PDB file of N, CA and C in Angstrom:
ATOM      1  N   MET A   1     104.583  -0.135 -69.512  1.00  0.00           N
ATOM      2  CA  MET A   1     103.804  -0.850 -68.553  1.00  0.00           C
ATOM      3  C   MET A   1     104.113  -0.265 -67.062  1.00  0.00           C
ATOM      4  N   MET A   2     103.096  -0.070 -66.380  1.00  0.00           N
ATOM      5  CA  MET A   2     103.276   0.571 -65.053  1.00  0.00           C
ATOM      6  C   MET A   2     103.609  -0.612 -63.965  1.00  0.00           C
ATOM      7  N   GLY A   3     104.508  -0.327 -63.082  1.00  0.00           N
ATOM      8  CA  GLY A   3     104.662  -1.331 -62.065  1.00  0.00           C
ATOM      9  C   GLY A   3     103.730  -1.102 -60.887  1.00  0.00           C
ATOM     10  N   PHE A   4     103.684  -2.081 -60.050  1.00  0.00           N
ATOM     11  CA  PHE A   4     102.952  -1.958 -58.844  1.00  0.00           C
ATOM     12  C   PHE A   4     103.189  -0.668 -57.928  1.00  0.00           C
ATOM     13  N   ALA A   5     104.450  -0.439 -57.832  1.00  0.00           N
ATOM     14  CA  ALA A   5     104.697   0.680 -56.995  1.00  0.00           C
ATOM     15  C   ALA A   5     104.163   1.953 -57.560  1.00  0.00           C
ATOM     16  N   ALA A   6     104.049   2.081 -58.954  1.00  0.00           N
ATOM     17  CA  ALA A   6     103.528   3.339 -59.491  1.00  0.00           C
ATOM     18  C   ALA A   6     102.031   3.388 -59.170  1.00  0.00           C
ATOM     19  N   LEU A   7     101.341   2.339 -59.102  1.00  0.00           N
ATOM     20  CA  LEU A   7      99.876   2.253 -58.702  1.00  0.00           C
ATOM     21  C   LEU A   7      99.677   2.585 -57.153  1.00  0.00           C
ATOM     22  N   ASN A   8     100.571   2.124 -56.401  1.00  0.00           N
ATOM     23  CA  ASN A   8     100.526   2.154 -54.961  1.00  0.00           C
ATOM     24  C   ASN A   8     101.869   2.623 -54.398  1.00  0.00           C
ATOM     25  N   PRO A   9     101.905   3.987 -54.307  1.00  0.00           N
ATOM     26  CA  PRO A   9     103.225   4.707 -53.755  1.00  0.00           C
ATOM     27  C   PRO A   9     103.622   4.190 -52.345  1.00  0.00           C
ATOM     28  N   SER A  10     102.588   3.691 -51.511  1.00  0.00           N
ATOM     29  CA  SER A  10     102.901   3.460 -50.147  1.00  0.00           C
ATOM     30  C   SER A  10     103.716   2.108 -50.227  1.00  0.00           C
ATOM     31  N   TYR A  11     103.480   1.102 -51.264  1.00  0.00           N
ATOM     32  CA  TYR A  11     104.268  -0.030 -51.407  1.00  0.00           C
ATOM     33  C   TYR A  11     105.692   0.241 -51.470  1.00  0.00           C
ATOM     34  N   GLU A  12     106.070   1.312 -52.334  1.00  0.00           N
ATOM     35  CA  GLU A  12     107.481   1.540 -52.705  1.00  0.00           C
ATOM     36  C   GLU A  12     108.040   2.254 -51.262  1.00  0.00           C
ATOM     37  N   LEU A  13     107.288   2.980 -50.534  1.00  0.00           N
ATOM     38  CA  LEU A  13     107.952   3.560 -49.301  1.00  0.00           C
ATOM     39  C   LEU A  13     108.153   2.474 -48.315  1.00  0.00           C
ATOM     40  N   GLY A  14     107.237   1.477 -48.259  1.00  0.00           N
ATOM     41  CA  GLY A  14     107.370   0.394 -47.206  1.00  0.00           C
ATOM     42  C   GLY A  14     108.583  -0.485 -47.642  1.00  0.00           C
ATOM     43  N   TRP A  15     108.807  -0.694 -49.028  1.00  0.00           N
ATOM     44  CA  TRP A  15     109.978  -1.420 -49.373  1.00  0.00           C
ATOM     45  C   TRP A  15     111.342  -0.712 -49.055  1.00  0.00           C
ATOM     46  N   LYS A  16     111.333   0.567 -49.209  1.00  0.00           N
ATOM     47  CA  LYS A  16     112.449   1.397 -49.023  1.00  0.00           C
ATOM     48  C   LYS A  16     112.844   1.311 -47.418  1.00  0.00           C
ATOM     49  N   ARG A  17     111.705   1.406 -46.642  1.00  0.00           N
ATOM     50  CA  ARG A  17     111.885   1.263 -45.175  1.00  0.00           C
ATOM     51  C   ARG A  17     112.414  -0.027 -44.800  1.00  0.00           C
ATOM     52  N   ALA A  18     111.917  -1.041 -45.433  1.00  0.00           N
ATOM     53  CA  ALA A  18     112.414  -2.350 -45.141  1.00  0.00           C
ATOM     54  C   ALA A  18     113.922  -2.612 -45.483  1.00  0.00           C
ATOM     55  N   MET A  19     114.264  -1.959 -46.603  1.00  0.00           N
ATOM     56  CA  MET A  19     115.694  -2.017 -47.039  1.00  0.00           C
ATOM     57  C   MET A  19     116.529  -1.346 -46.058  1.00  0.00           C
ATOM     58  N   THR A  20     116.197  -0.173 -45.606  1.00  0.00           N
ATOM     59  CA  THR A  20     116.894   0.725 -44.782  1.00  0.00           C
ATOM     60  C   THR A  20     117.030   0.010 -43.455  1.00  0.00           C
ATOM     61  N   THR A  21     116.012  -0.695 -42.950  1.00  0.00           N
ATOM     62  CA  THR A  21     116.231  -1.379 -41.654  1.00  0.00           C
ATOM     63  C   THR A  21     117.153  -2.673 -41.906  1.00  0.00           C
ATOM     64  N   PHE A  22     117.040  -3.267 -43.102  1.00  0.00           N
ATOM     65  CA  PHE A  22     117.962  -4.339 -43.359  1.00  0.00           C
ATOM     66  C   PHE A  22     119.419  -3.911 -43.408  1.00  0.00           C
ATOM     67  N   HIS A  23     119.657  -2.663 -44.088  1.00  0.00           N
ATOM     68  CA  HIS A  23     121.040  -2.181 -44.108  1.00  0.00           C
ATOM     69  C   HIS A  23     121.428  -1.675 -42.771  1.00  0.00           C
ATOM     70  N   ASP A  24     120.645  -1.110 -41.944  1.00  0.00           N
ATOM     71  CA  ASP A  24     121.107  -0.744 -40.718  1.00  0.00           C
ATOM     72  C   ASP A  24     121.556  -1.870 -39.873  1.00  0.00           C
ATOM     73  N   ALA A  25     120.862  -2.990 -39.960  1.00  0.00           N
ATOM     74  CA  ALA A  25     121.269  -4.215 -39.212  1.00  0.00           C
ATOM     75  C   ALA A  25     122.623  -4.784 -39.850  1.00  0.00           C
ATOM     76  N   ALA A  26     122.803  -4.623 -41.108  1.00  0.00           N
ATOM     77  CA  ALA A  26     123.954  -5.182 -41.699  1.00  0.00           C
ATOM     78  C   ALA A  26     125.126  -4.312 -41.302  1.00  0.00           C
ATOM     79  N   TYR A  27     124.891  -3.110 -41.252  1.00  0.00           N
ATOM     80  CA  TYR A  27     126.125  -2.141 -40.749  1.00  0.00           C
ATOM     81  C   TYR A  27     126.451  -2.423 -39.276  1.00  0.00           C
ATOM     82  N   THR A  28     125.496  -2.723 -38.530  1.00  0.00           N
ATOM     83  CA  THR A  28     125.753  -2.957 -37.130  1.00  0.00           C
ATOM     84  C   THR A  28     126.568  -4.203 -36.999  1.00  0.00           C
ATOM     85  N   MET A  29     126.081  -5.239 -37.720  1.00  0.00           N
ATOM     86  CA  MET A  29     126.815  -6.605 -37.615  1.00  0.00           C
ATOM     87  C   MET A  29     128.209  -6.349 -38.103  1.00  0.00           C
ATOM     88  N   ALA A  30     128.353  -5.504 -39.165  1.00  0.00           N
ATOM     89  CA  ALA A  30     129.708  -5.321 -39.781  1.00  0.00           C
ATOM     90  C   ALA A  30     130.576  -4.621 -38.712  1.00  0.00           C
ATOM     91  N   ALA A  31     130.010  -3.723 -37.879  1.00  0.00           N
ATOM     92  CA  ALA A  31     130.742  -2.941 -37.097  1.00  0.00           C
ATOM     93  C   ALA A  31     131.106  -3.877 -35.764  1.00  0.00           C
ATOM     94  N   VAL A  32     130.160  -4.742 -35.382  1.00  0.00           N
ATOM     95  CA  VAL A  32     130.475  -5.727 -34.219  1.00  0.00           C
ATOM     96  C   VAL A  32     131.638  -6.647 -34.712  1.00  0.00           C
ATOM     97  N   SER A  33     131.596  -7.223 -35.972  1.00  0.00           N
ATOM     98  CA  SER A  33     132.601  -8.071 -36.413  1.00  0.00           C
ATOM     99  C   SER A  33     134.015  -7.396 -36.427  1.00  0.00           C
ATOM    100  N   ALA A  34     133.982  -6.117 -37.020  1.00  0.00           N
ATOM    101  CA  ALA A  34     135.278  -5.392 -36.981  1.00  0.00           C
ATOM    102  C   ALA A  34     135.856  -5.148 -35.603  1.00  0.00           C
ATOM    103  N   THR A  35     134.947  -4.829 -34.719  1.00  0.00           N
ATOM    104  CA  THR A  35     135.371  -4.501 -33.368  1.00  0.00           C
ATOM    105  C   THR A  35     136.077  -5.691 -32.706  1.00  0.00           C
ATOM    106  N   VAL A  36     135.353  -6.861 -32.879  1.00  0.00           N
ATOM    107  CA  VAL A  36     135.923  -8.117 -32.260  1.00  0.00           C
ATOM    108  C   VAL A  36     137.101  -8.438 -32.838  1.00  0.00           C
ATOM    109  N   ALA A  37     137.346  -8.274 -34.335  1.00  0.00           N
ATOM    110  CA  ALA A  37     138.619  -8.563 -34.996  1.00  0.00           C
ATOM    111  C   ALA A  37     139.655  -7.554 -34.536  1.00  0.00           C
ATOM    112  N   LEU A  38     139.441  -6.348 -34.314  1.00  0.00           N
ATOM    113  CA  LEU A  38     140.266  -5.398 -33.921  1.00  0.00           C
ATOM    114  C   LEU A  38     140.877  -5.750 -32.549  1.00  0.00           C
ATOM    115  N   TYR A  39     140.001  -5.979 -31.544  1.00  0.00           N
ATOM    116  CA  TYR A  39     140.366  -6.338 -30.104  1.00  0.00           C
ATOM    117  C   TYR A  39     141.159  -7.655 -30.069  1.00  0.00           C
ATOM    118  N   ARG A  40     140.695  -8.697 -30.938  1.00  0.00           N
ATOM    119  CA  ARG A  40     141.467  -9.889 -30.983  1.00  0.00           C
ATOM    120  C   ARG A  40     142.892  -9.682 -31.586  1.00  0.00           C
ATOM    121  N   ALA A  41     142.890  -8.824 -32.489  1.00  0.00           N
ATOM    122  CA  ALA A  41     144.395  -8.574 -33.042  1.00  0.00           C
ATOM    123  C   ALA A  41     145.184  -7.975 -32.060  1.00  0.00           C
ATOM    124  N   LEU A  42     144.606  -6.929 -31.346  1.00  0.00           N
ATOM    125  CA  LEU A  42     145.423  -6.187 -30.268  1.00  0.00           C
ATOM    126  C   LEU A  42     145.850  -7.217 -29.206  1.00  0.00           C
ATOM    127  N   VAL A  43     145.086  -8.064 -28.932  1.00  0.00           N
ATOM    128  CA  VAL A  43     145.445  -9.031 -27.873  1.00  0.00           C
ATOM    129  C   VAL A  43     146.498 -10.009 -28.388  1.00  0.00           C
ATOM    130  N   LYS A  44     146.184 -10.511 -29.627  1.00  0.00           N
ATOM    131  CA  LYS A  44     147.125 -11.449 -30.183  1.00  0.00           C
ATOM    132  C   LYS A  44     148.589 -10.801 -30.269  1.00  0.00           C
ATOM    133  N   LYS A  45     148.661  -9.591 -30.708  1.00  0.00           N
ATOM    134  CA  LYS A  45     149.891  -8.899 -30.952  1.00  0.00           C
ATOM    135  C   LYS A  45     150.664  -8.464 -29.570  1.00  0.00           C
ATOM    136  N   GLY A  46     149.787  -8.677 -28.475  1.00  0.00           N
ATOM    137  CA  GLY A  46     150.363  -8.300 -27.225  1.00  0.00           C
ATOM    138  C   GLY A  46     150.262  -6.818 -26.779  1.00  0.00           C
ATOM    139  N   LEU A  47     149.595  -6.056 -27.609  1.00  0.00           N
ATOM    140  CA  LEU A  47     149.405  -4.736 -27.479  1.00  0.00           C
ATOM    141  C   LEU A  47     148.466  -4.382 -26.402  1.00  0.00           C
ATOM    142  N   MET A  48     147.637  -5.334 -25.997  1.00  0.00           N
ATOM    143  CA  MET A  48     146.595  -5.129 -24.915  1.00  0.00           C
ATOM    144  C   MET A  48     146.319  -6.534 -24.460  1.00  0.00           C
ATOM    145  N   THR A  49     146.208  -6.650 -23.168  1.00  0.00           N
ATOM    146  CA  THR A  49     145.772  -7.908 -22.526  1.00  0.00           C
ATOM    147  C   THR A  49     144.304  -8.060 -22.730  1.00  0.00           C
ATOM    148  N   ARG A  50     143.939  -9.308 -22.678  1.00  0.00           N
ATOM    149  CA  ARG A  50     142.491  -9.721 -22.773  1.00  0.00           C
ATOM    150  C   ARG A  50     141.675  -8.969 -21.738  1.00  0.00           C
ATOM    151  N   ASP A  51     142.266  -9.073 -20.425  1.00  0.00           N
ATOM    152  CA  ASP A  51     141.546  -8.369 -19.365  1.00  0.00           C
ATOM    153  C   ASP A  51     141.396  -6.871 -19.652  1.00  0.00           C
ATOM    154  N   GLU A  52     142.367  -6.220 -20.112  1.00  0.00           N
ATOM    155  CA  GLU A  52     142.314  -4.802 -20.376  1.00  0.00           C
ATOM    156  C   GLU A  52     141.139  -4.566 -21.530  1.00  0.00           C
ATOM    157  N   ALA A  53     141.161  -5.333 -22.539  1.00  0.00           N
ATOM    158  CA  ALA A  53     140.153  -5.252 -23.637  1.00  0.00           C
ATOM    159  C   ALA A  53     138.678  -5.396 -23.018  1.00  0.00           C
ATOM    160  N   VAL A  54     138.512  -6.416 -22.152  1.00  0.00           N
ATOM    161  CA  VAL A  54     137.340  -6.769 -21.582  1.00  0.00           C
ATOM    162  C   VAL A  54     136.867  -5.581 -20.736  1.00  0.00           C
ATOM    163  N   ARG A  55     137.856  -5.228 -19.942  1.00  0.00           N
ATOM    164  CA  ARG A  55     137.454  -4.032 -19.052  1.00  0.00           C
ATOM    165  C   ARG A  55     137.077  -2.684 -19.785  1.00  0.00           C
ATOM    166  N   VAL A  56     137.710  -2.438 -20.894  1.00  0.00           N
ATOM    167  CA  VAL A  56     137.412  -1.258 -21.664  1.00  0.00           C
ATOM    168  C   VAL A  56     135.900  -1.469 -22.170  1.00  0.00           C
ATOM    169  N   LEU A  57     135.593  -2.566 -22.691  1.00  0.00           N
ATOM    170  CA  LEU A  57     134.334  -2.781 -23.401  1.00  0.00           C
ATOM    171  C   LEU A  57     133.263  -2.767 -22.226  1.00  0.00           C
ATOM    172  N   LEU A  58     133.532  -3.468 -21.127  1.00  0.00           N
ATOM    173  CA  LEU A  58     132.497  -3.445 -20.097  1.00  0.00           C
ATOM    174  C   LEU A  58     132.305  -2.054 -19.424  1.00  0.00           C
ATOM    175  N   ASP A  59     133.276  -1.202 -19.315  1.00  0.00           N
ATOM    176  CA  ASP A  59     133.259   0.105 -18.907  1.00  0.00           C
ATOM    177  C   ASP A  59     132.422   0.851 -19.723  1.00  0.00           C
ATOM    178  N   GLU A  60     132.512   0.765 -21.120  1.00  0.00           N
ATOM    179  CA  GLU A  60     131.632   1.500 -22.060  1.00  0.00           C
ATOM    180  C   GLU A  60     130.132   0.983 -22.033  1.00  0.00           C
ATOM    181  N   ALA A  61     130.099  -0.263 -21.751  1.00  0.00           N
ATOM    182  CA  ALA A  61     128.754  -0.941 -21.660  1.00  0.00           C
ATOM    183  C   ALA A  61     127.875  -0.290 -20.357  1.00  0.00           C
ATOM    184  N   VAL A  62     128.728  -0.214 -19.428  1.00  0.00           N
ATOM    185  CA  VAL A  62     128.014   0.399 -18.109  1.00  0.00           C
ATOM    186  C   VAL A  62     127.662   1.918 -18.317  1.00  0.00           C
ATOM    187  N   ALA A  63     128.628   2.574 -19.019  1.00  0.00           N
ATOM    188  CA  ALA A  63     128.373   4.003 -19.263  1.00  0.00           C
ATOM    189  C   ALA A  63     127.070   4.133 -20.202  1.00  0.00           C
ATOM    190  N   ARG A  64     126.963   3.195 -21.136  1.00  0.00           N
ATOM    191  CA  ARG A  64     125.778   3.222 -22.038  1.00  0.00           C
ATOM    192  C   ARG A  64     124.562   2.944 -21.341  1.00  0.00           C
ATOM    193  N   ALA A  65     124.709   1.888 -20.476  1.00  0.00           N
ATOM    194  CA  ALA A  65     123.476   1.483 -19.632  1.00  0.00           C
ATOM    195  C   ALA A  65     123.016   2.679 -18.695  1.00  0.00           C
ATOM    196  N   ILE A  66     123.925   3.389 -18.131  1.00  0.00           N
ATOM    197  CA  ILE A  66     123.530   4.553 -17.304  1.00  0.00           C
ATOM    198  C   ILE A  66     122.983   5.689 -18.147  1.00  0.00           C
ATOM    199  N   GLN A  67     123.481   5.801 -19.361  1.00  0.00           N
ATOM    200  CA  GLN A  67     122.839   6.939 -20.130  1.00  0.00           C
ATOM    201  C   GLN A  67     121.427   6.539 -20.648  1.00  0.00           C
ATOM    202  N   ALA A  68     121.176   5.150 -20.799  1.00  0.00           N
ATOM    203  CA  ALA A  68     119.781   4.741 -21.159  1.00  0.00           C
ATOM    204  C   ALA A  68     118.832   4.991 -19.967  1.00  0.00           C
ATOM    205  N   GLU A  69     119.247   4.948 -18.806  1.00  0.00           N
ATOM    206  CA  GLU A  69     118.428   5.206 -17.665  1.00  0.00           C
ATOM    207  C   GLU A  69     118.293   6.559 -17.296  1.00  0.00           C
ATOM    208  N   ALA A  70     119.231   7.500 -17.812  1.00  0.00           N
ATOM    209  CA  ALA A  70     119.015   8.999 -17.429  1.00  0.00           C
ATOM    210  C   ALA A  70     117.766   9.564 -18.126  1.00  0.00           C
ATOM    211  N   ALA A  71     117.269  10.393 -17.248  1.00  0.00           N
ATOM    212  CA  ALA A  71     116.079  11.041 -17.591  1.00  0.00           C
ATOM    213  C   ALA A  71     116.292  12.213 -18.592  1.00  0.00           C
ATOM    214  N   GLY A  72     115.379  12.556 -19.474  1.00  0.00           N
ATOM    215  CA  GLY A  72     115.518  13.698 -20.373  1.00  0.00           C
ATOM    216  C   GLY A  72     115.926  13.138 -21.835  1.00  0.00           C
ATOM    217  N   ASP A  73     116.363  11.988 -22.113  1.00  0.00           N
ATOM    218  CA  ASP A  73     116.648  11.600 -23.446  1.00  0.00           C
ATOM    219  C   ASP A  73     115.444  11.123 -24.056  1.00  0.00           C
ATOM    220  N   SER A  74     115.393  11.004 -25.449  1.00  0.00           N
ATOM    221  CA  SER A  74     114.184  10.364 -26.175  1.00  0.00           C
ATOM    222  C   SER A  74     114.120   8.847 -25.946  1.00  0.00           C
ATOM    223  N   GLU A  75     113.120   8.289 -26.138  1.00  0.00           N
ATOM    224  CA  GLU A  75     112.839   6.743 -25.894  1.00  0.00           C
ATOM    225  C   GLU A  75     113.795   6.177 -27.024  1.00  0.00           C
ATOM    226  N   THR A  76     113.934   6.673 -28.168  1.00  0.00           N
ATOM    227  CA  THR A  76     114.705   5.959 -29.190  1.00  0.00           C
ATOM    228  C   THR A  76     116.193   6.011 -28.791  1.00  0.00           C
ATOM    229  N   THR A  77     116.636   7.237 -28.167  1.00  0.00           N
ATOM    230  CA  THR A  77     118.159   7.309 -27.754  1.00  0.00           C
ATOM    231  C   THR A  77     118.362   6.251 -26.570  1.00  0.00           C
ATOM    232  N   ASN A  78     117.314   6.168 -25.696  1.00  0.00           N
ATOM    233  CA  ASN A  78     117.566   5.260 -24.658  1.00  0.00           C
ATOM    234  C   ASN A  78     117.587   3.814 -25.031  1.00  0.00           C
ATOM    235  N   ASP A  79     116.758   3.514 -26.027  1.00  0.00           N
ATOM    236  CA  ASP A  79     116.763   2.098 -26.538  1.00  0.00           C
ATOM    237  C   ASP A  79     118.084   1.900 -27.266  1.00  0.00           C
ATOM    238  N   LEU A  80     118.628   2.750 -28.002  1.00  0.00           N
ATOM    239  CA  LEU A  80     119.911   2.577 -28.624  1.00  0.00           C
ATOM    240  C   LEU A  80     121.033   2.357 -27.622  1.00  0.00           C
ATOM    241  N   ASN A  81     120.986   3.119 -26.465  1.00  0.00           N
ATOM    242  CA  ASN A  81     122.016   2.968 -25.419  1.00  0.00           C
ATOM    243  C   ASN A  81     121.881   1.666 -24.839  1.00  0.00           C
ATOM    244  N   ARG A  82     120.674   1.139 -24.593  1.00  0.00           N
ATOM    245  CA  ARG A  82     120.482  -0.169 -23.943  1.00  0.00           C
ATOM    246  C   ARG A  82     121.036  -1.237 -24.979  1.00  0.00           C
ATOM    247  N   GLN A  83     120.740  -1.146 -26.259  1.00  0.00           N
ATOM    248  CA  GLN A  83     121.177  -2.129 -27.236  1.00  0.00           C
ATOM    249  C   GLN A  83     122.625  -1.986 -27.326  1.00  0.00           C
ATOM    250  N   SER A  84     123.271  -0.807 -27.344  1.00  0.00           N
ATOM    251  CA  SER A  84     124.747  -0.710 -27.369  1.00  0.00           C
ATOM    252  C   SER A  84     125.375  -1.441 -26.225  1.00  0.00           C
ATOM    253  N   ALA A  85     124.759  -1.220 -25.015  1.00  0.00           N
ATOM    254  CA  ALA A  85     125.496  -1.814 -23.821  1.00  0.00           C
ATOM    255  C   ALA A  85     125.244  -3.340 -24.014  1.00  0.00           C
ATOM    256  N   GLU A  86     124.308  -3.933 -24.420  1.00  0.00           N
ATOM    257  CA  GLU A  86     124.100  -5.399 -24.732  1.00  0.00           C
ATOM    258  C   GLU A  86     125.217  -5.875 -25.699  1.00  0.00           C
ATOM    259  N   ILE A  87     125.342  -5.051 -26.855  1.00  0.00           N
ATOM    260  CA  ILE A  87     126.282  -5.485 -27.847  1.00  0.00           C
ATOM    261  C   ILE A  87     127.754  -5.404 -27.291  1.00  0.00           C
ATOM    262  N   LEU A  88     128.124  -4.363 -26.483  1.00  0.00           N
ATOM    263  CA  LEU A  88     129.515  -4.253 -25.837  1.00  0.00           C
ATOM    264  C   LEU A  88     129.681  -5.465 -24.949  1.00  0.00           C
ATOM    265  N   LYS A  89     128.672  -5.922 -24.280  1.00  0.00           N
ATOM    266  CA  LYS A  89     128.836  -7.026 -23.141  1.00  0.00           C
ATOM    267  C   LYS A  89     128.986  -8.325 -24.037  1.00  0.00           C
ATOM    268  N   PHE A  90     128.211  -8.493 -25.157  1.00  0.00           N
ATOM    269  CA  PHE A  90     128.409  -9.595 -26.085  1.00  0.00           C
ATOM    270  C   PHE A  90     129.744  -9.736 -26.533  1.00  0.00           C
ATOM    271  N   ILE A  91     130.360  -8.587 -26.974  1.00  0.00           N
ATOM    272  CA  ILE A  91     131.762  -8.592 -27.522  1.00  0.00           C
ATOM    273  C   ILE A  91     132.728  -8.910 -26.469  1.00  0.00           C
ATOM    274  N   ALA A  92     132.598  -8.295 -25.278  1.00  0.00           N
ATOM    275  CA  ALA A  92     133.524  -8.566 -24.237  1.00  0.00           C
ATOM    276  C   ALA A  92     133.500 -10.096 -23.865  1.00  0.00           C
ATOM    277  N   GLU A  93     132.291 -10.808 -23.986  1.00  0.00           N
ATOM    278  CA  GLU A  93     132.252 -12.216 -23.577  1.00  0.00           C
ATOM    279  C   GLU A  93     133.054 -13.077 -24.750  1.00  0.00           C
ATOM    280  N   LYS A  94     133.077 -12.570 -25.944  1.00  0.00           N
ATOM    281  CA  LYS A  94     133.697 -13.335 -27.128  1.00  0.00           C
ATOM    282  C   LYS A  94     135.104 -13.139 -27.268  1.00  0.00           C
ATOM    283  N   LEU A  95     135.669 -12.307 -26.496  1.00  0.00           N
ATOM    284  CA  LEU A  95     137.185 -12.044 -26.671  1.00  0.00           C
ATOM    285  C   LEU A  95     137.880 -13.272 -26.027  1.00  0.00           C
TER     286      LEU A  95
END
């Protein structure tokens, strides 16, 4: 018996694209969670002060925001840099 995807190949491609988007978002959330856990552990162990951790994250956020506004990069790269800046600011607020 043939499945719906065999009759309509674009259905399968759409499903794969949706799953890829889902996985990308899941990987991003995992990376954010791991970063927060790492910085919290460094602060808790006394290897880094909270202020140092926040400063590092905000410095990187500013750098990403500047890159997003720089001319010459593709729109996708600029969007990723803007999103990265927002994520880094979010992490800094949560420390």
